């Protein structure tokens, strides 16, 4: 299953990709053709697998150039390069994750990070193959950055050079100059680099921003390097960018960077809110019954105290064909209990979440505000990069502590908020986003830290059809994959590549 991350796919959730949400698995020996529909995206996005942790190695960049006849809102760069930040595991990570989920343990950390597939010359395995980008003096280059790392935000910098940030998540930003950038998993960034320093070789580097436990000290494995190489015969780089990069626990540096993000142009931000939601994000415990009659607590994560459970067939087909029993339309608009969400002390009964396949249904055209509140349950609050499929949204506000329902809305940016598909819910803080429900379909909302997604920090938004053919979900393609329980639905695996699949569904369920 492949997701075109950040591609809105108007009216086309059939090609969105997340397993058990918009499609079932593509079985060995079969195939599925994705139809990619772009709309207002321009800049850098990416694609990746959306089943278990396979995206660790199955991913790549998407580059969307300005529409023909238009140009960049900045001088045309002399060259461009894609830099993909990734995670490196020395073992079969899907096997380890599956085992950890069974026993309720924590999920694995990576052994290293990579830039374009290489950990860099601090790792013996890649010292000779460290990624290099050759440049000419006095030129300006567009660097397209993708954070494909599994579970951590990172700081990124180039030794001796400032960069100019011009885009995020395939939307233009007001340019600003900075010595470092910060990106969460799933996010993309377009930056301009001017090669105006003394010709030589300079390190490109990234290190993680760790917002969970301040006691974390195993830093060496999370440095990753590449090399910026001016044309000519120059010595190996000796200038390290780590003096430029903030420290591993410098949360304030991450906040300061995010606060600089502004859309290039004034935005038509929704102001007549018809649906308002207040959603807590937490790490939890779940009590699992054991075969011997006992019980064990396992780690979980939740939104509004619901740990999402994937159904046995995908939500989209169940919704489209009106098949009951696979999800319920009762995802709560508010948390079940209000308390001091960011305190070090928390209600004992707040630690356990409930399992469910609960979705939120929106009418077409609604103007939606969602306020995400980070919870410090288990003293485990950390940044959450929250990603919505099928949409970009306006980040109208974010801040520390519990959301103040009277004062914080007065501070919203309703003029030029960043327009993104993945936004950071800050540690022990809140995030407010707005969007118009103008893309009918079934769309996943989730934390882009895969350990949290595996534990259930996700939900589904269903946007109903509008009143015209142009505002309704497109008809499904003829070769939609079938899930494992297809026989129970009166279907067979053979139907997954048959052009009469839709007719069989319609004969069975309509």
Protein backbone atom coordinates (compact mmCIF):
# COMPACT_ATOMS: atom_id res chain seq x y z
CA UNK A 1 0.00 0.00 0.00
CA UNK A 2 1.43 3.31 -1.11
CA UNK A 3 0.49 6.76 0.18
CA UNK A 4 1.18 9.87 -1.85
CA UNK A 5 1.80 11.86 1.32
CA UNK A 6 0.33 15.36 1.07
CA UNK A 7 -1.32 14.81 -2.32
CA UNK A 8 -4.94 15.72 -1.64
CA UNK A 9 -6.42 13.31 -4.20
CA UNK A 10 -9.66 15.29 -4.63
CA UNK A 11 -12.69 12.96 -4.54
CA UNK A 12 -10.30 10.02 -4.94
CA UNK A 13 -9.71 8.30 -1.58
CA UNK A 14 -9.41 5.00 -3.48
CA UNK A 15 -5.79 5.90 -4.23
CA UNK A 16 -4.91 7.28 -0.81
CA UNK A 17 -3.24 4.09 0.40
CA UNK A 18 -3.37 3.39 4.18
CA UNK A 19 -4.06 -0.27 4.85
CA UNK A 20 -7.51 -1.06 6.30
CA UNK A 21 -8.53 2.60 5.95
CA UNK A 22 -8.87 3.14 2.20
CA UNK A 23 -7.78 -0.22 0.84
CA UNK A 24 -6.84 -3.74 1.76
CA UNK A 25 -3.43 -5.25 1.22
CA UNK A 26 -2.11 -5.84 -2.29
CA UNK A 27 -1.51 -9.58 -2.25
CA UNK A 28 1.52 -11.35 -3.78
CA UNK A 29 1.00 -11.94 -7.47
CA UNK A 30 -1.59 -9.17 -7.80
CA UNK A 31 -1.31 -5.49 -8.60
CA UNK A 32 -3.10 -2.21 -8.08
CA UNK A 33 -2.68 0.96 -10.13
CA UNK A 34 -2.85 4.21 -8.20
CA UNK A 35 -4.36 7.24 -9.90
CA UNK A 36 -2.64 10.38 -8.64
CA UNK A 37 -4.63 13.62 -8.81
CA UNK A 38 -2.84 16.84 -7.91
CA UNK A 39 -4.65 20.05 -7.04
CA UNK A 40 -2.97 23.09 -5.43
CA UNK A 41 0.29 21.43 -4.37
CA UNK A 42 3.57 22.99 -5.50
CA UNK A 43 6.95 22.13 -4.04
CA UNK A 44 8.09 18.94 -2.34
CA UNK A 45 6.04 16.01 -1.05
CA UNK A 46 6.84 12.33 -0.75
CA UNK A 47 5.40 8.85 -1.12
CA UNK A 48 5.76 5.89 1.23
CA UNK A 49 4.35 2.52 2.16
CA UNK A 50 1.45 2.65 4.61
CA UNK A 51 1.43 -0.84 6.11
CA UNK A 52 3.19 -1.78 9.39
CA UNK A 53 6.68 -0.17 9.43
CA UNK A 54 7.51 -0.88 5.79
CA UNK A 55 7.78 2.83 5.00
CA UNK A 56 11.20 2.66 6.67
CA UNK A 57 12.64 1.46 3.35
CA UNK A 58 9.79 2.01 0.89
CA UNK A 59 9.68 5.75 0.29
CA UNK A 60 10.76 8.52 -2.07
CA UNK A 61 10.32 12.17 -2.94
CA UNK A 62 7.64 13.83 -5.08
CA UNK A 63 8.68 17.07 -6.81
CA UNK A 64 5.89 19.33 -8.10
CA UNK A 65 7.12 22.20 -10.26
CA UNK A 66 5.16 25.45 -10.73
CA UNK A 67 2.36 25.24 -13.27
CA UNK A 68 3.42 25.88 -16.84
CA UNK A 69 3.52 29.59 -17.50
CA UNK A 70 4.21 30.44 -13.87
CA UNK A 71 7.42 30.63 -11.87
CA UNK A 72 8.73 30.39 -8.33
CA UNK A 73 7.96 33.39 -6.09
CA UNK A 74 11.73 33.71 -5.64
CA UNK A 75 14.65 33.84 -8.11
CA UNK A 76 14.96 30.63 -10.12
CA UNK A 77 17.65 28.51 -8.44
CA UNK A 78 20.78 27.46 -10.32
CA UNK A 79 20.21 23.84 -9.34
CA UNK A 80 18.25 21.67 -6.97
CA UNK A 81 18.71 18.52 -4.92
CA UNK A 82 16.47 16.16 -2.94
CA UNK A 83 17.72 15.16 0.51
CA UNK A 84 15.75 12.39 2.22
CA UNK A 85 16.35 11.84 5.94
CA UNK A 86 15.67 8.25 6.95
CA UNK A 87 16.05 5.63 9.69
CA UNK A 88 18.48 2.69 9.62
CA UNK A 89 17.80 -0.64 11.33
CA UNK A 90 20.27 -3.51 11.37
CA UNK A 91 17.50 -6.10 11.68
CA UNK A 92 14.04 -6.94 10.35
CA UNK A 93 12.19 -4.09 12.04
CA UNK A 94 8.72 -5.37 11.09
CA UNK A 95 9.43 -8.69 12.82
CA UNK A 96 10.63 -6.96 15.99
CA UNK A 97 7.69 -4.55 16.00
CA UNK A 98 5.21 -7.41 15.64
CA UNK A 99 6.79 -9.22 18.59
CA UNK A 100 6.87 -6.09 20.75
CA UNK A 101 3.21 -5.37 20.05
CA UNK A 102 2.30 -8.91 21.12
CA UNK A 103 4.08 -8.66 24.47
CA UNK A 104 3.15 -5.04 25.10
CA UNK A 105 6.69 -3.67 25.16
CA UNK A 106 8.16 -0.47 23.81
CA UNK A 107 8.93 -0.33 20.10
CA UNK A 108 12.48 -0.27 18.73
CA UNK A 109 14.70 2.75 18.16
CA UNK A 110 16.72 2.93 14.97
CA UNK A 111 20.44 2.21 14.93
CA UNK A 112 21.25 5.29 12.86
CA UNK A 113 19.74 7.96 10.67
CA UNK A 114 20.57 8.47 7.01
CA UNK A 115 20.79 11.19 4.38
CA UNK A 116 19.91 9.75 0.96
CA UNK A 117 20.47 6.25 2.30
CA UNK A 118 23.85 6.80 4.01
CA UNK A 119 24.48 7.28 7.76
CA UNK A 120 27.58 9.35 7.02
CA UNK A 121 31.26 9.18 7.79
CA UNK A 122 30.85 8.87 11.55
CA UNK A 123 29.64 5.31 10.87
CA UNK A 124 32.26 2.81 9.72
CA UNK A 125 29.77 1.12 7.42
CA UNK A 126 29.35 4.23 5.27
CA UNK A 127 32.50 6.28 5.76
CA UNK A 128 33.55 5.72 2.16
CA UNK A 129 30.05 6.17 0.72
CA UNK A 130 28.90 9.28 2.61
CA UNK A 131 26.50 11.25 0.44
CA UNK A 132 28.12 14.25 -1.28
CA UNK A 133 26.61 17.20 -3.16
CA UNK A 134 28.99 19.11 -5.39
CA UNK A 135 28.26 22.83 -5.82
CA UNK A 136 29.79 25.87 -7.51
CA UNK A 137 30.77 29.02 -5.69
CA UNK A 138 28.30 31.92 -5.95
CA UNK A 139 25.28 29.84 -6.94
CA UNK A 140 21.89 29.35 -5.26
CA UNK A 141 20.49 25.84 -4.88
CA UNK A 142 17.01 24.68 -3.96
CA UNK A 143 17.26 21.85 -1.44
CA UNK A 144 14.13 19.72 -1.13
CA UNK A 145 14.14 18.04 2.28
CA UNK A 146 11.99 15.06 3.26
CA UNK A 147 11.83 13.75 6.82
CA UNK A 148 11.17 10.03 6.32
CA UNK A 149 12.53 9.17 9.78
CA UNK A 150 10.26 6.80 11.67
CA UNK A 151 9.96 8.25 15.15
CA UNK A 152 11.87 11.47 15.82
CA UNK A 153 12.00 15.11 14.89
CA UNK A 154 15.38 16.40 13.75
CA UNK A 155 17.40 19.57 13.53
CA UNK A 156 19.23 20.06 10.22
CA UNK A 157 22.07 22.43 9.29
CA UNK A 158 24.98 22.99 6.93
CA UNK A 159 28.26 24.03 8.53
CA UNK A 160 29.16 27.65 7.90
CA UNK A 161 26.03 28.40 5.86
CA UNK A 162 22.65 29.95 6.54
CA UNK A 163 19.66 28.84 4.49
CA UNK A 164 16.42 30.54 3.45
CA UNK A 165 13.20 28.63 4.12
CA UNK A 166 10.68 29.13 1.28
CA UNK A 167 8.21 26.22 1.51
CA UNK A 168 6.65 23.55 3.71
CA UNK A 169 4.48 20.61 2.70
CA UNK A 170 4.18 21.81 -0.93
CA UNK A 171 3.01 25.33 -0.06
CA UNK A 172 4.99 28.55 -0.19
CA UNK A 173 6.11 30.39 2.95
CA UNK A 174 7.27 33.91 3.61
CA UNK A 175 11.04 33.49 3.21
CA UNK A 176 13.20 33.70 6.32
CA UNK A 177 16.89 33.12 6.94
CA UNK A 178 18.00 30.64 9.58
CA UNK A 179 21.08 28.72 10.68
CA UNK A 180 19.07 25.53 11.27
CA UNK A 181 15.71 23.98 10.51
CA UNK A 182 13.51 21.58 12.46
CA UNK A 183 11.34 18.89 10.85
CA UNK A 184 9.06 16.21 12.21
CA UNK A 185 8.45 12.83 10.54
CA UNK A 186 6.25 13.26 7.49
CA UNK A 187 7.14 16.90 6.93
CA UNK A 188 8.89 18.35 3.89
CA UNK A 189 10.79 21.60 3.56
CA UNK A 190 12.06 23.67 0.64
CA UNK A 191 15.14 25.76 1.42
CA UNK A 192 17.51 27.92 -0.61
CA UNK A 193 21.26 27.57 -0.10
CA UNK A 194 23.64 30.21 -1.45
CA UNK A 195 27.21 28.95 -1.78
CA UNK A 196 28.96 32.11 -0.62
CA UNK A 197 31.55 30.72 1.78
CA UNK A 198 35.23 30.00 1.22
CA UNK A 199 35.40 27.11 -1.26
CA UNK A 200 35.99 23.83 0.51
CA UNK A 201 34.08 20.89 1.98
CA UNK A 202 31.44 21.40 4.64
CA UNK A 203 29.43 18.96 6.69
CA UNK A 204 25.67 18.67 6.26
CA UNK A 205 24.24 17.15 9.43
CA UNK A 206 21.12 16.32 11.37
CA UNK A 207 20.53 15.35 14.97
CA UNK A 208 17.31 14.43 16.69
CA UNK A 209 15.17 16.65 18.88
CA UNK A 210 14.20 14.39 21.75
CA UNK A 211 11.16 15.76 23.58
CA UNK A 212 10.23 12.70 25.61
CA UNK A 213 12.64 12.03 28.48
CA UNK A 214 15.37 14.52 29.37
CA UNK A 215 17.46 11.63 30.76
CA UNK A 216 18.07 10.30 27.23
CA UNK A 217 21.85 10.27 26.70
CA UNK A 218 22.59 7.78 23.91
CA UNK A 219 23.21 10.46 21.31
CA UNK A 220 26.06 9.18 19.16
CA UNK A 221 23.95 6.91 17.01
CA UNK A 222 21.57 9.69 16.01
CA UNK A 223 24.07 11.98 14.29
CA UNK A 224 24.00 11.75 10.50
CA UNK A 225 26.24 13.55 8.03
CA UNK A 226 26.62 14.31 4.35
CA UNK A 227 29.11 16.60 2.64
CA UNK A 228 28.66 19.84 0.70
CA UNK A 229 31.61 19.94 -1.69
CA UNK A 230 32.61 23.07 -3.60
CA UNK A 231 34.09 22.25 -7.00
CA UNK A 232 37.86 22.03 -6.74
CA UNK A 233 40.48 20.00 -4.90
CA UNK A 234 39.81 20.74 -1.26
CA UNK A 235 40.63 18.98 1.98
CA UNK A 236 38.17 16.91 3.99
CA UNK A 237 35.70 18.98 6.04
CA UNK A 238 36.79 19.95 9.53
CA UNK A 239 34.00 22.40 10.36
CA UNK A 240 31.25 20.56 12.22
CA UNK A 241 27.71 21.97 12.15
CA UNK A 242 26.95 20.72 15.65
CA UNK A 243 27.79 24.14 17.04
CA UNK A 244 25.05 25.48 14.78
CA UNK A 245 22.55 22.75 15.56
CA UNK A 246 20.56 23.13 18.78
CA UNK A 247 21.07 20.48 21.43
CA UNK A 248 19.14 17.22 21.51
CA UNK A 249 16.71 18.49 24.15
CA UNK A 250 16.39 22.13 23.06
CA UNK A 251 12.61 22.20 22.81
CA UNK A 252 12.61 26.01 22.74
CA UNK A 253 14.67 25.98 19.53
CA UNK A 254 12.04 23.80 17.88
CA UNK A 255 9.25 26.13 19.01
CA UNK A 256 11.18 29.20 17.84
CA UNK A 257 11.62 27.69 14.38
CA UNK A 258 7.94 26.73 14.05
CA UNK A 259 6.86 30.22 15.11
CA UNK A 260 8.60 31.68 12.05
CA UNK A 261 6.39 29.77 9.59
CA UNK A 262 3.94 32.04 7.76
CA UNK A 263 2.15 31.48 4.46
CA UNK A 264 3.54 33.59 1.63
CA UNK A 265 0.14 35.12 0.92
CA UNK A 266 -2.80 36.01 3.11
CA UNK A 267 -5.12 33.04 3.48
CA UNK A 268 -8.87 32.51 3.34
CA UNK A 269 -8.99 30.92 6.79
CA UNK A 270 -12.35 29.43 7.85
CA UNK A 271 -14.04 31.74 10.35
CA UNK A 272 -17.61 30.42 10.51
CA UNK A 273 -16.85 27.25 12.43
CA UNK A 274 -19.63 24.66 12.28
CA UNK A 275 -17.76 21.73 13.86
CA UNK A 276 -15.47 22.24 16.83
CA UNK A 277 -13.47 19.43 18.42
CA UNK A 278 -11.11 19.25 21.39
CA UNK A 279 -8.91 16.17 21.10
CA UNK A 280 -6.45 14.90 23.68
CA UNK A 281 -3.40 12.95 22.50
CA UNK A 282 -1.90 10.60 25.06
CA UNK A 283 0.21 7.55 25.66
CA UNK A 284 -1.71 4.99 27.67
CA UNK A 285 -1.90 1.48 29.03
CA UNK A 286 -4.23 -1.32 27.98
CA UNK A 287 -5.10 -4.39 30.04
CA UNK A 288 -4.87 -7.51 27.88
CA UNK A 289 -6.25 -10.87 28.97
CA UNK A 290 -3.81 -13.78 28.87
CA UNK A 291 -4.56 -17.44 28.01
CA UNK A 292 -3.86 -18.44 31.63
CA UNK A 293 -6.64 -16.15 32.84
CA UNK A 294 -4.33 -13.39 33.98
CA UNK A 295 -3.88 -9.93 32.50
CA UNK A 296 -0.96 -7.81 31.44
CA UNK A 297 -0.68 -4.10 30.76
CA UNK A 298 0.53 -3.13 27.32
CA UNK A 299 1.57 0.25 25.98
CA UNK A 300 -0.99 2.13 23.91
CA UNK A 301 -1.72 5.59 22.53
CA UNK A 302 -5.00 7.36 21.96
CA UNK A 303 -6.99 10.34 20.74
CA UNK A 304 -9.73 11.36 23.18
CA UNK A 305 -8.95 8.17 25.08
CA UNK A 306 -9.76 5.93 22.09
CA UNK A 307 -7.02 3.66 20.77
CA UNK A 308 -7.95 3.05 17.15
CA UNK A 309 -8.27 -0.55 15.96
CA UNK A 310 -8.02 -1.35 12.27
CA UNK A 311 -11.13 -3.17 11.02
CA UNK A 312 -11.08 -6.44 9.08
CA UNK A 313 -12.01 -4.71 5.86
CA UNK A 314 -11.12 -1.20 4.90
CA UNK A 315 -13.28 1.65 6.18
CA UNK A 316 -13.69 3.20 2.73
CA UNK A 317 -15.30 0.18 1.10
CA UNK A 318 -17.44 -0.48 4.18
CA UNK A 319 -18.65 3.13 4.06
CA UNK A 320 -19.10 3.35 0.30
CA UNK A 321 -21.11 0.12 0.09
CA UNK A 322 -22.91 0.68 3.39
CA UNK A 323 -21.56 -2.50 5.01
CA UNK A 324 -22.28 -2.42 8.72
CA UNK A 325 -20.24 -3.83 11.56
CA UNK A 326 -16.77 -2.54 10.69
CA UNK A 327 -16.77 0.90 12.30
CA UNK A 328 -18.94 3.17 14.42
CA UNK A 329 -19.67 6.85 13.85
CA UNK A 330 -19.09 7.94 17.44
CA UNK A 331 -15.59 9.33 17.72
CA UNK A 332 -16.00 11.83 20.59
CA UNK A 333 -15.71 15.58 20.02
CA UNK A 334 -14.40 16.02 23.57
CA UNK A 335 -12.31 13.95 25.99
CA UNK A 336 -14.31 11.82 28.47
CA UNK A 337 -12.79 13.63 31.46
CA UNK A 338 -11.31 17.08 31.98
CA UNK A 339 -8.37 17.57 34.35
CA UNK A 340 -4.94 19.21 34.26
CA UNK A 341 -3.74 17.44 31.12
CA UNK A 342 -0.14 18.68 31.35
CA UNK A 343 0.49 18.09 35.07
CA UNK A 344 3.10 15.63 36.30
CA UNK A 345 0.39 14.10 38.48
CA UNK A 346 -2.55 12.59 36.65
CA UNK A 347 -5.76 10.76 37.43
CA UNK A 348 -5.06 7.06 37.89
CA UNK A 349 -8.10 6.09 35.83
CA UNK A 350 -6.92 8.30 32.97
CA UNK A 351 -4.05 5.99 32.08
CA UNK A 352 -6.20 3.32 30.41
CA UNK A 353 -7.66 3.90 26.96
CA UNK A 354 -10.47 2.01 25.25
CA UNK A 355 -10.23 0.15 21.97
CA UNK A 356 -12.50 1.04 19.09
CA UNK A 357 -12.89 1.73 15.39
CA UNK A 358 -14.62 5.05 15.93
CA UNK A 359 -14.82 7.61 13.12
CA UNK A 360 -15.93 11.23 12.85
CA UNK A 361 -18.46 12.08 10.13
CA UNK A 362 -18.56 15.58 8.62
CA UNK A 363 -21.08 17.10 6.25
CA UNK A 364 -19.66 18.40 3.00
CA UNK A 365 -18.67 22.06 3.27
CA UNK A 366 -18.39 22.25 7.04
CA UNK A 367 -15.82 24.63 8.50
CA UNK A 368 -13.89 22.68 11.09
CA UNK A 369 -11.65 23.63 13.99
CA UNK A 370 -9.72 20.92 15.82
CA UNK A 371 -7.77 21.70 18.96
CA UNK A 372 -5.29 18.99 19.90
CA UNK A 373 -4.25 18.89 23.56
CA UNK A 374 -1.10 17.04 24.52
CA UNK A 375 -1.52 14.98 27.68
CA UNK A 376 1.22 14.09 30.14
CA UNK A 377 -0.31 10.76 31.15
CA UNK A 378 2.45 8.40 32.33
CA UNK A 379 4.74 11.48 32.29
CA UNK A 380 5.25 10.62 28.63
CA UNK A 381 4.22 13.80 26.81
CA UNK A 382 6.28 14.57 23.72
CA UNK A 383 5.86 16.34 20.38
CA UNK A 384 3.36 14.67 18.04
CA UNK A 385 3.52 15.42 14.28
CA UNK A 386 -0.19 15.20 13.42
CA UNK A 387 -0.97 14.36 9.79
CA UNK A 388 -4.29 14.52 7.93
CA UNK A 389 -4.79 12.61 4.69
CA UNK A 390 -6.69 14.24 1.84
CA UNK A 391 -6.23 17.79 3.12
CA UNK A 392 -3.88 20.56 4.04
CA UNK A 393 -5.02 22.71 6.94
CA UNK A 394 -4.26 26.06 8.54
CA UNK A 395 -2.22 26.07 11.75
CA UNK A 396 -3.95 29.00 13.45
CA UNK A 397 -2.38 28.58 16.87
CA UNK A 398 -0.16 26.56 19.18
CA UNK A 399 1.19 27.07 22.65
CA UNK A 400 2.28 25.59 25.97
CA UNK A 401 0.08 24.21 28.74
CA UNK A 402 -3.64 23.53 28.69
CA UNK A 403 -5.65 25.30 26.00
CA UNK A 404 -7.40 28.38 27.41
CA UNK A 405 -10.82 28.48 25.79
CA UNK A 406 -11.21 32.23 26.35
CA UNK A 407 -7.74 33.69 25.90
CA UNK A 408 -5.94 31.47 23.38
CA UNK A 409 -8.36 32.00 20.44
CA UNK A 410 -7.65 35.73 20.74
CA UNK A 411 -4.04 34.98 19.76
CA UNK A 412 -4.89 33.00 16.61
CA UNK A 413 -3.20 33.89 13.34
CA UNK A 414 -6.13 34.18 10.92
CA UNK A 415 -4.18 36.20 8.35
CA UNK A 416 -1.23 34.16 7.09
CA UNK A 417 -1.07 30.87 9.01
CA UNK A 418 1.04 28.09 7.47
CA UNK A 419 -0.92 25.75 5.21
CA UNK A 420 0.41 22.25 5.85
CA UNK A 421 -0.54 18.58 5.98
CA UNK A 422 1.52 17.70 9.08
CA UNK A 423 1.81 19.96 12.14
CA UNK A 424 3.53 19.57 15.49
CA UNK A 425 1.43 19.21 18.63
CA UNK A 426 3.97 20.46 21.19
CA UNK A 427 4.99 18.57 24.30
CA UNK A 428 2.61 19.49 27.19
CA UNK A 429 0.95 21.99 24.88
CA UNK A 430 -1.83 22.46 22.35
CA UNK A 431 -2.30 22.89 18.60
CA UNK A 432 -5.27 24.44 16.78
CA UNK A 433 -5.99 23.82 13.09
CA UNK A 434 -8.81 24.74 10.72
CA UNK A 435 -9.98 23.44 7.35
CA UNK A 436 -13.03 23.28 5.11
CA UNK A 437 -14.47 19.82 4.51
CA UNK A 438 -14.49 20.08 0.72
CA UNK A 439 -12.90 16.76 -0.18
CA UNK A 440 -15.43 13.92 0.19
CA UNK A 441 -14.06 10.59 1.25
CA UNK A 442 -12.52 8.58 4.04
CA UNK A 443 -9.37 10.19 5.44
CA UNK A 444 -6.94 9.12 8.15
CA UNK A 445 -5.82 11.51 10.95
CA UNK A 446 -2.77 10.21 12.84
CA UNK A 447 0.44 10.90 14.67
CA UNK A 448 3.34 10.39 12.25
CA UNK A 449 5.53 8.81 14.92
CA UNK A 450 5.06 5.21 13.84
CA UNK A 451 5.33 3.87 17.37
CA UNK A 452 2.29 5.97 18.32
CA UNK A 453 0.38 5.03 15.16
CA UNK A 454 1.05 1.36 15.96
CA UNK A 455 -0.40 1.91 19.42
CA UNK A 456 -3.59 3.59 18.19
CA UNK A 457 -3.02 7.36 18.04
CA UNK A 458 -5.22 7.79 14.98
CA UNK A 459 -8.80 8.14 13.86
CA UNK A 460 -10.74 8.48 10.62
CA UNK A 461 -12.69 11.41 9.23
CA UNK A 462 -15.47 10.69 6.77
CA UNK A 463 -16.55 13.68 4.69
CA UNK A 464 -19.94 13.03 3.13
CA UNK A 465 -20.79 13.76 -0.49
CA UNK A 466 -21.99 17.19 -1.54
CA UNK A 467 -25.05 17.81 -3.67
CA UNK A 468 -23.50 17.58 -7.14
CA UNK A 469 -21.49 14.99 -9.08
CA UNK A 470 -18.45 17.28 -8.75
CA UNK A 471 -18.69 17.12 -4.95
CA UNK A 472 -19.09 13.36 -4.58
CA UNK A 473 -16.59 10.54 -4.19
CA UNK A 474 -15.53 9.14 -7.53
CA UNK A 475 -16.52 5.60 -8.40
CA UNK A 476 -14.03 2.98 -7.22
CA UNK A 477 -11.53 1.49 -9.65
CA UNK A 478 -12.28 -2.04 -10.84
CA UNK A 479 -9.35 -3.76 -9.15
CA UNK A 480 -9.59 -2.71 -5.51
CA UNK A 481 -7.79 -5.26 -3.30
CA UNK A 482 -9.86 -7.54 -1.05
CA UNK A 483 -9.17 -8.06 2.64
CA UNK A 484 -8.53 -11.35 4.45
CA UNK A 485 -12.15 -11.70 5.53
CA UNK A 486 -13.46 -11.37 1.96
CA UNK A 487 -15.09 -14.84 2.04
CA UNK A 488 -17.20 -13.73 5.00
CA UNK A 489 -18.43 -10.87 2.85
CA UNK A 490 -19.36 -13.15 -0.01
CA UNK A 491 -16.28 -12.20 -2.03
CA UNK A 492 -13.16 -14.04 -3.10
CA UNK A 493 -9.52 -13.16 -3.62
CA UNK A 494 -10.06 -13.62 -7.34
CA UNK A 495 -12.42 -10.65 -7.30
CA UNK A 496 -9.58 -8.33 -6.33
CA UNK A 497 -8.47 -8.09 -9.95
CA UNK A 498 -11.85 -8.57 -11.59
CA UNK A 499 -13.57 -5.71 -13.38
CA UNK A 500 -16.95 -6.84 -12.05
CA UNK A 501 -15.93 -6.20 -8.43
CA UNK A 502 -18.10 -3.12 -8.10
CA UNK A 503 -21.10 -4.90 -9.59
CA UNK A 504 -20.66 -7.79 -7.16
CA UNK A 505 -20.50 -5.40 -4.23
CA UNK A 506 -23.57 -3.56 -5.46
CA UNK A 507 -25.48 -6.81 -5.98
CA UNK A 508 -24.55 -7.92 -2.46
CA UNK A 509 -25.02 -4.73 -0.46
CA UNK A 510 -27.28 -2.35 -2.35
